[in-house]
């Protein structure tokens, strides 16, 4: 074990000590040449040149399509205060059985906001296949929307919009 280590150590010292090898192609220090520094101006917009703008990758997903529709009718609306703001509870009646992805989507316009009105659209997604009408109990869905104290501070009226009706509640 000592002989190979000794031979390797002596050979490396001889090779490193030879001045004639300094400019040789065998010397690993000369393989890449000297480094240079260049100034590069940053583009006006942050662009990653490795990612093309127009093309999407093999694993990219297409832009999502909004499949939601307004629920048929809003049957109940109540606002309950919390320590951090308020929670808006809404109950609605769907046009047929099987709605999913229930959401309350804010749709307040700047004019409504100036008047102290906060509007929500009660939206659902129905299955693609045909589903029965069913009873009112089986078509009832519920959703909630949370608001902070800062968001609800200037709100005087809350409106929930459905396909067939609109429910409102006012601050006392």
C-alpha atoms as a PDB file:
ATOM      1  CA  UNK A   1       0.000   0.000   0.000  1.00  0.00           C
ATOM      2  CA  UNK A   2       2.888   2.349   0.760  1.00  0.00           C
ATOM      3  CA  UNK A   3       4.626   1.783  -2.588  1.00  0.00           C
ATOM      4  CA  UNK A   4       1.733   2.930  -4.830  1.00  0.00           C
ATOM      5  CA  UNK A   5       1.063   5.989  -2.672  1.00  0.00           C
ATOM      6  CA  UNK A   6       4.737   6.910  -2.654  1.00  0.00           C
ATOM      7  CA  UNK A   7       5.075   6.473  -6.426  1.00  0.00           C
ATOM      8  CA  UNK A   8       1.944   8.535  -7.036  1.00  0.00           C
ATOM      9  CA  UNK A   9       3.176  11.318  -4.731  1.00  0.00           C
ATOM     10  CA  UNK A  10       6.635  11.447  -6.377  1.00  0.00           C
ATOM     11  CA  UNK A  11       5.129  11.435  -9.897  1.00  0.00           C
ATOM     12  CA  UNK A  12       2.761  14.268  -9.080  1.00  0.00           C
ATOM     13  CA  UNK A  13       5.528  16.371  -7.562  1.00  0.00           C
ATOM     14  CA  UNK A  14       7.745  15.821 -10.607  1.00  0.00           C
ATOM     15  CA  UNK A  15       4.963  16.732 -12.987  1.00  0.00           C
ATOM     16  CA  UNK A  16       4.062  19.866 -11.041  1.00  0.00           C
ATOM     17  CA  UNK A  17       7.701  20.930 -10.764  1.00  0.00           C
ATOM     18  CA  UNK A  18       8.458  20.761 -14.461  1.00  0.00           C
ATOM     19  CA  UNK A  19       8.479  24.274 -15.924  1.00  0.00           C
ATOM     20  CA  UNK A  20       8.239  23.010 -19.499  1.00  0.00           C
ATOM     21  CA  UNK A  21       4.820  21.558 -18.863  1.00  0.00           C
ATOM     22  CA  UNK A  22       3.338  24.887 -17.917  1.00  0.00           C
ATOM     23  CA  UNK A  23       2.190  25.707 -21.461  1.00  0.00           C
ATOM     24  CA  UNK A  24       1.608  22.115 -22.520  1.00  0.00           C
ATOM     25  CA  UNK A  25      -1.771  20.707 -23.507  1.00  0.00           C
ATOM     26  CA  UNK A  26      -1.289  17.944 -20.974  1.00  0.00           C
ATOM     27  CA  UNK A  27      -1.341  20.417 -18.088  1.00  0.00           C
ATOM     28  CA  UNK A  28      -4.972  20.615 -16.804  1.00  0.00           C
ATOM     29  CA  UNK A  29      -4.524  24.249 -15.753  1.00  0.00           C
ATOM     30  CA  UNK A  30      -4.264  25.337 -19.403  1.00  0.00           C
ATOM     31  CA  UNK A  31      -7.262  23.459 -20.751  1.00  0.00           C
ATOM     32  CA  UNK A  32      -9.738  26.328 -20.587  1.00  0.00           C
ATOM     33  CA  UNK A  33      -7.518  29.377 -20.963  1.00  0.00           C
ATOM     34  CA  UNK A  34      -7.745  32.547 -18.908  1.00  0.00           C
ATOM     35  CA  UNK A  35     -11.083  33.857 -17.711  1.00  0.00           C
ATOM     36  CA  UNK A  36     -12.390  37.192 -18.929  1.00  0.00           C
ATOM     37  CA  UNK A  37     -14.967  39.522 -17.500  1.00  0.00           C
ATOM     38  CA  UNK A  38     -17.476  41.361 -19.686  1.00  0.00           C
ATOM     39  CA  UNK A  39     -20.154  43.870 -18.793  1.00  0.00           C
ATOM     40  CA  UNK A  40     -23.661  42.914 -19.819  1.00  0.00           C
ATOM     41  CA  UNK A  41     -26.552  45.348 -19.721  1.00  0.00           C
ATOM     42  CA  UNK A  42     -29.730  44.017 -18.152  1.00  0.00           C
ATOM     43  CA  UNK A  43     -32.770  44.009 -20.431  1.00  0.00           C
ATOM     44  CA  UNK A  44     -35.523  46.549 -19.775  1.00  0.00           C
ATOM     45  CA  UNK A  45     -37.915  43.796 -18.647  1.00  0.00           C
ATOM     46  CA  UNK A  46     -37.020  40.758 -16.608  1.00  0.00           C
ATOM     47  CA  UNK A  47     -36.850  38.004 -19.208  1.00  0.00           C
ATOM     48  CA  UNK A  48     -35.569  34.498 -18.817  1.00  0.00           C
ATOM     49  CA  UNK A  49     -33.937  33.669 -22.180  1.00  0.00           C
ATOM     50  CA  UNK A  50     -34.286  29.958 -21.488  1.00  0.00           C
ATOM     51  CA  UNK A  51     -38.085  30.129 -21.368  1.00  0.00           C
ATOM     52  CA  UNK A  52     -39.758  31.176 -24.620  1.00  0.00           C
ATOM     53  CA  UNK A  53     -42.762  33.471 -24.317  1.00  0.00           C
ATOM     54  CA  UNK A  54     -44.957  31.971 -26.996  1.00  0.00           C
ATOM     55  CA  UNK A  55     -44.488  28.254 -26.481  1.00  0.00           C
ATOM     56  CA  UNK A  56     -45.768  26.246 -23.596  1.00  0.00           C
ATOM     57  CA  UNK A  57     -44.010  23.200 -22.248  1.00  0.00           C
ATOM     58  CA  UNK A  58     -44.993  19.609 -22.613  1.00  0.00           C
ATOM     59  CA  UNK A  59     -46.389  19.460 -19.071  1.00  0.00           C
ATOM     60  CA  UNK A  60     -48.082  22.858 -19.029  1.00  0.00           C
ATOM     61  CA  UNK A  61     -51.814  22.969 -18.571  1.00  0.00           C
ATOM     62  CA  UNK A  62     -54.139  24.985 -20.763  1.00  0.00           C
ATOM     63  CA  UNK A  63     -55.657  28.135 -19.345  1.00  0.00           C
ATOM     64  CA  UNK A  64     -58.603  27.230 -17.113  1.00  0.00           C
ATOM     65  CA  UNK A  65     -62.090  27.748 -18.514  1.00  0.00           C
ATOM     66  CA  UNK A  66     -64.723  29.172 -16.171  1.00  0.00           C
ATOM     67  CA  UNK A  67     -67.541  26.596 -16.074  1.00  0.00           C
ATOM     68  CA  UNK A  68     -69.434  28.215 -13.216  1.00  0.00           C
ATOM     69  CA  UNK A  69     -72.981  29.516 -13.590  1.00  0.00           C
ATOM     70  CA  UNK A  70     -75.118  31.507 -11.161  1.00  0.00           C
ATOM     71  CA  UNK A  71     -77.206  29.373  -8.832  1.00  0.00           C
ATOM     72  CA  UNK A  72     -80.938  29.393  -9.467  1.00  0.00           C
ATOM     73  CA  UNK A  73     -82.073  31.080  -6.246  1.00  0.00           C
ATOM     74  CA  UNK A  74     -80.633  32.467  -3.001  1.00  0.00           C
ATOM     75  CA  UNK A  75     -82.821  31.299  -0.114  1.00  0.00           C
ATOM     76  CA  UNK A  76     -80.933  32.578   2.947  1.00  0.00           C
ATOM     77  CA  UNK A  77     -78.337  35.243   3.705  1.00  0.00           C
ATOM     78  CA  UNK A  78     -76.895  36.039   7.092  1.00  0.00           C
ATOM     79  CA  UNK A  79     -73.815  37.860   8.335  1.00  0.00           C
ATOM     80  CA  UNK A  80     -72.209  36.841  11.611  1.00  0.00           C
ATOM     81  CA  UNK A  81     -69.548  39.016  13.237  1.00  0.00           C
ATOM     82  CA  UNK A  82     -66.267  37.459  14.327  1.00  0.00           C
ATOM     83  CA  UNK A  83     -63.287  38.814  16.233  1.00  0.00           C
ATOM     84  CA  UNK A  84     -61.422  39.425  12.967  1.00  0.00           C
ATOM     85  CA  UNK A  85     -64.321  40.733  10.853  1.00  0.00           C
ATOM     86  CA  UNK A  86     -67.396  38.885   9.620  1.00  0.00           C
ATOM     87  CA  UNK A  87     -68.502  35.717   7.856  1.00  0.00           C
ATOM     88  CA  UNK A  88     -71.216  35.851   5.220  1.00  0.00           C
ATOM     89  CA  UNK A  89     -73.278  32.640   5.149  1.00  0.00           C
ATOM     90  CA  UNK A  90     -75.409  31.994   2.064  1.00  0.00           C
ATOM     91  CA  UNK A  91     -77.790  29.167   1.242  1.00  0.00           C
ATOM     92  CA  UNK A  92     -79.148  28.600  -2.236  1.00  0.00           C
ATOM     93  CA  UNK A  93     -81.335  26.315  -4.293  1.00  0.00           C
ATOM     94  CA  UNK A  94     -79.731  24.789  -7.393  1.00  0.00           C
ATOM     95  CA  UNK A  95     -81.625  24.222 -10.635  1.00  0.00           C
ATOM     96  CA  UNK A  96     -80.892  20.460 -10.484  1.00  0.00           C
ATOM     97  CA  UNK A  97     -79.050  17.942  -8.352  1.00  0.00           C
ATOM     98  CA  UNK A  98     -75.294  17.576  -8.237  1.00  0.00           C
ATOM     99  CA  UNK A  99     -73.804  21.077  -8.123  1.00  0.00           C
ATOM    100  CA  UNK A 100     -70.198  21.282  -6.972  1.00  0.00           C
ATOM    101  CA  UNK A 101     -67.398  23.854  -6.682  1.00  0.00           C
ATOM    102  CA  UNK A 102     -69.745  26.241  -4.913  1.00  0.00           C
ATOM    103  CA  UNK A 103     -68.302  29.731  -4.497  1.00  0.00           C
ATOM    104  CA  UNK A 104     -69.203  33.271  -3.586  1.00  0.00           C
ATOM    105  CA  UNK A 105     -67.375  35.470  -6.076  1.00  0.00           C
ATOM    106  CA  UNK A 106     -67.006  39.220  -5.349  1.00  0.00           C
ATOM    107  CA  UNK A 107     -68.454  41.319  -8.190  1.00  0.00           C
ATOM    108  CA  UNK A 108     -68.530  44.759  -6.601  1.00  0.00           C
ATOM    109  CA  UNK A 109     -68.166  47.649  -9.042  1.00  0.00           C
ATOM    110  CA  UNK A 110     -66.345  50.856  -8.059  1.00  0.00           C
ATOM    111  CA  UNK A 111     -69.674  52.724  -8.058  1.00  0.00           C
ATOM    112  CA  UNK A 112     -71.210  50.205  -5.642  1.00  0.00           C
ATOM    113  CA  UNK A 113     -68.123  50.328  -3.468  1.00  0.00           C
ATOM    114  CA  UNK A 114     -68.405  54.122  -3.216  1.00  0.00           C
ATOM    115  CA  UNK A 115     -72.004  53.678  -2.006  1.00  0.00           C
ATOM    116  CA  UNK A 116     -70.972  51.081   0.596  1.00  0.00           C
ATOM    117  CA  UNK A 117     -72.397  48.048  -1.257  1.00  0.00           C
ATOM    118  CA  UNK A 118     -70.546  44.721  -1.348  1.00  0.00           C
ATOM    119  CA  UNK A 119     -71.873  42.364  -4.062  1.00  0.00           C
ATOM    120  CA  UNK A 120     -71.268  38.639  -4.368  1.00  0.00           C
ATOM    121  CA  UNK A 121     -72.267  36.252  -7.130  1.00  0.00           C
ATOM    122  CA  UNK A 122     -73.331  32.789  -5.895  1.00  0.00           C
ATOM    123  CA  UNK A 123     -71.887  30.402  -8.500  1.00  0.00           C
ATOM    124  CA  UNK A 124     -71.816  26.623  -8.950  1.00  0.00           C
ATOM    125  CA  UNK A 125     -70.692  24.054 -11.505  1.00  0.00           C
ATOM    126  CA  UNK A 126     -73.165  21.420 -12.660  1.00  0.00           C
ATOM    127  CA  UNK A 127     -72.169  17.939 -13.862  1.00  0.00           C
ATOM    128  CA  UNK A 128     -71.927  17.466 -17.631  1.00  0.00           C
ATOM    129  CA  UNK A 129     -74.254  14.481 -17.536  1.00  0.00           C
ATOM    130  CA  UNK A 130     -77.958  14.972 -17.024  1.00  0.00           C
ATOM    131  CA  UNK A 131     -79.095  14.811 -13.404  1.00  0.00           C
ATOM    132  CA  UNK A 132     -82.631  14.674 -12.009  1.00  0.00           C
ATOM    133  CA  UNK A 133     -84.395  17.702 -10.592  1.00  0.00           C
ATOM    134  CA  UNK A 134     -84.903  16.082  -7.174  1.00  0.00           C
ATOM    135  CA  UNK A 135     -86.345  17.608  -4.041  1.00  0.00           C
ATOM    136  CA  UNK A 136     -85.509  21.074  -2.743  1.00  0.00           C
ATOM    137  CA  UNK A 137     -83.579  19.493   0.137  1.00  0.00           C
ATOM    138  CA  UNK A 138     -81.321  17.566  -2.269  1.00  0.00           C
ATOM    139  CA  UNK A 139     -80.622  20.733  -4.336  1.00  0.00           C
ATOM    140  CA  UNK A 140     -79.754  22.987  -1.376  1.00  0.00           C
ATOM    141  CA  UNK A 141     -76.139  24.175  -1.227  1.00  0.00           C
ATOM    142  CA  UNK A 142     -74.322  26.444   1.203  1.00  0.00           C
ATOM    143  CA  UNK A 143     -71.295  28.702   0.939  1.00  0.00           C
ATOM    144  CA  UNK A 144     -69.477  31.223   3.099  1.00  0.00           C
ATOM    145  CA  UNK A 145     -67.243  34.213   2.502  1.00  0.00           C
ATOM    146  CA  UNK A 146     -64.939  35.674   5.151  1.00  0.00           C
ATOM    147  CA  UNK A 147     -64.153  39.370   5.404  1.00  0.00           C
ATOM    148  CA  UNK A 148     -61.651  41.178   7.606  1.00  0.00           C
ATOM    149  CA  UNK A 149     -62.463  44.253   9.666  1.00  0.00           C
ATOM    150  CA  UNK A 150     -60.661  46.425   7.129  1.00  0.00           C
ATOM    151  CA  UNK A 151     -62.681  44.992   4.232  1.00  0.00           C
ATOM    152  CA  UNK A 152     -66.042  45.320   5.958  1.00  0.00           C
ATOM    153  CA  UNK A 153     -65.372  48.733   7.559  1.00  0.00           C
ATOM    154  CA  UNK A 154     -67.034  50.800   4.782  1.00  0.00           C
ATOM    155  CA  UNK A 155     -69.679  48.227   3.796  1.00  0.00           C
ATOM    156  CA  UNK A 156     -73.286  49.188   4.572  1.00  0.00           C
ATOM    157  CA  UNK A 157     -75.130  46.697   2.337  1.00  0.00           C
ATOM    158  CA  UNK A 158     -74.277  43.144   1.280  1.00  0.00           C
ATOM    159  CA  UNK A 159     -75.896  41.782  -1.890  1.00  0.00           C
ATOM    160  CA  UNK A 160     -75.838  38.182  -3.117  1.00  0.00           C
ATOM    161  CA  UNK A 161     -76.860  37.744  -6.751  1.00  0.00           C
ATOM    162  CA  UNK A 162     -78.367  34.530  -8.170  1.00  0.00           C
ATOM    163  CA  UNK A 163     -79.934  33.733 -11.543  1.00  0.00           C
ATOM    164  CA  UNK A 164     -83.522  34.430 -10.450  1.00  0.00           C
ATOM    165  CA  UNK A 165     -83.237  36.685  -7.387  1.00  0.00           C
ATOM    166  CA  UNK A 166     -81.039  38.933  -5.266  1.00  0.00           C
ATOM    167  CA  UNK A 167     -80.836  38.897  -1.445  1.00  0.00           C
ATOM    168  CA  UNK A 168     -79.590  41.909   0.480  1.00  0.00           C
ATOM    169  CA  UNK A 169     -78.852  42.680   4.085  1.00  0.00           C
ATOM    170  CA  UNK A 170     -78.045  46.042   5.656  1.00  0.00           C
ATOM    171  CA  UNK A 171     -75.955  47.023   8.604  1.00  0.00           C
ATOM    172  CA  UNK A 172     -77.997  48.157  11.610  1.00  0.00           C
END
